[in-house]
Amino acid sequence: MKSARNKRWRFVTAFVGLVISLTLVLVACGSSQTQSSTPTPASVPAGTLLYTYPGHTNLVNSVAWSPDGRYIVSGSGDNTVQVWEALTGKHLVTYSGHTGTVYSVAWSPDGRYIASGSADSTVQVWEALTGKHLVTYTGFLAGQDEVFSVAWSPDGKYIASGSDDQTVKVWKAP
């Protein structure tokens, strides 16, 4: 009887030790993620491929990290913009509002919105995690002025775009 009690006690002690160890590991992982949410495992050398996010059906022209490092957005020749969770690679949103190649993508400073510039002569702004369209800027010559770059102002109040009409345009952000 004493032997069975000792076996149970050793099992309980080992189980409690395992739970404490796992808790410490999870706390350590959680605290390191709060310091830097960008996925960079410390044990691999620089230049090591860490992640691949498949999903586009044509070349990828632009990528950008969200301001908090939790998400990645990409624009492609397949006329779409896609958003992924950076650490898991989980696909979150495909934005299909453009009718031409997407050349440029940019996150708003607060991480709520994405602006995308396209060969369809538009800059479009939409909610980053839902894909809900907010506004389309169309001050370009349709079919002639492809939008090759977009950028948010640091305060998030404006969006700048560059196109092949040899101009930079500044727009009031939504």
Foldseek 3Di string as FASTA:
>chain_A
DVVVVVVVVVVVVVVVVVVVVVVVVVVVVVVVCVVPVADDPPPDDPPDDDDDQDDDPADWQEKDAQLRNQKMWTWFQSQWIWMAGRPPSHTQDIANPGPGGWQEWEAQNVRQKIWIWGLQQWIWIAGDRPNHTDDIDRPGDGNPWGWNYWYADNVRQWIWIDTPVGDIDIDGHD
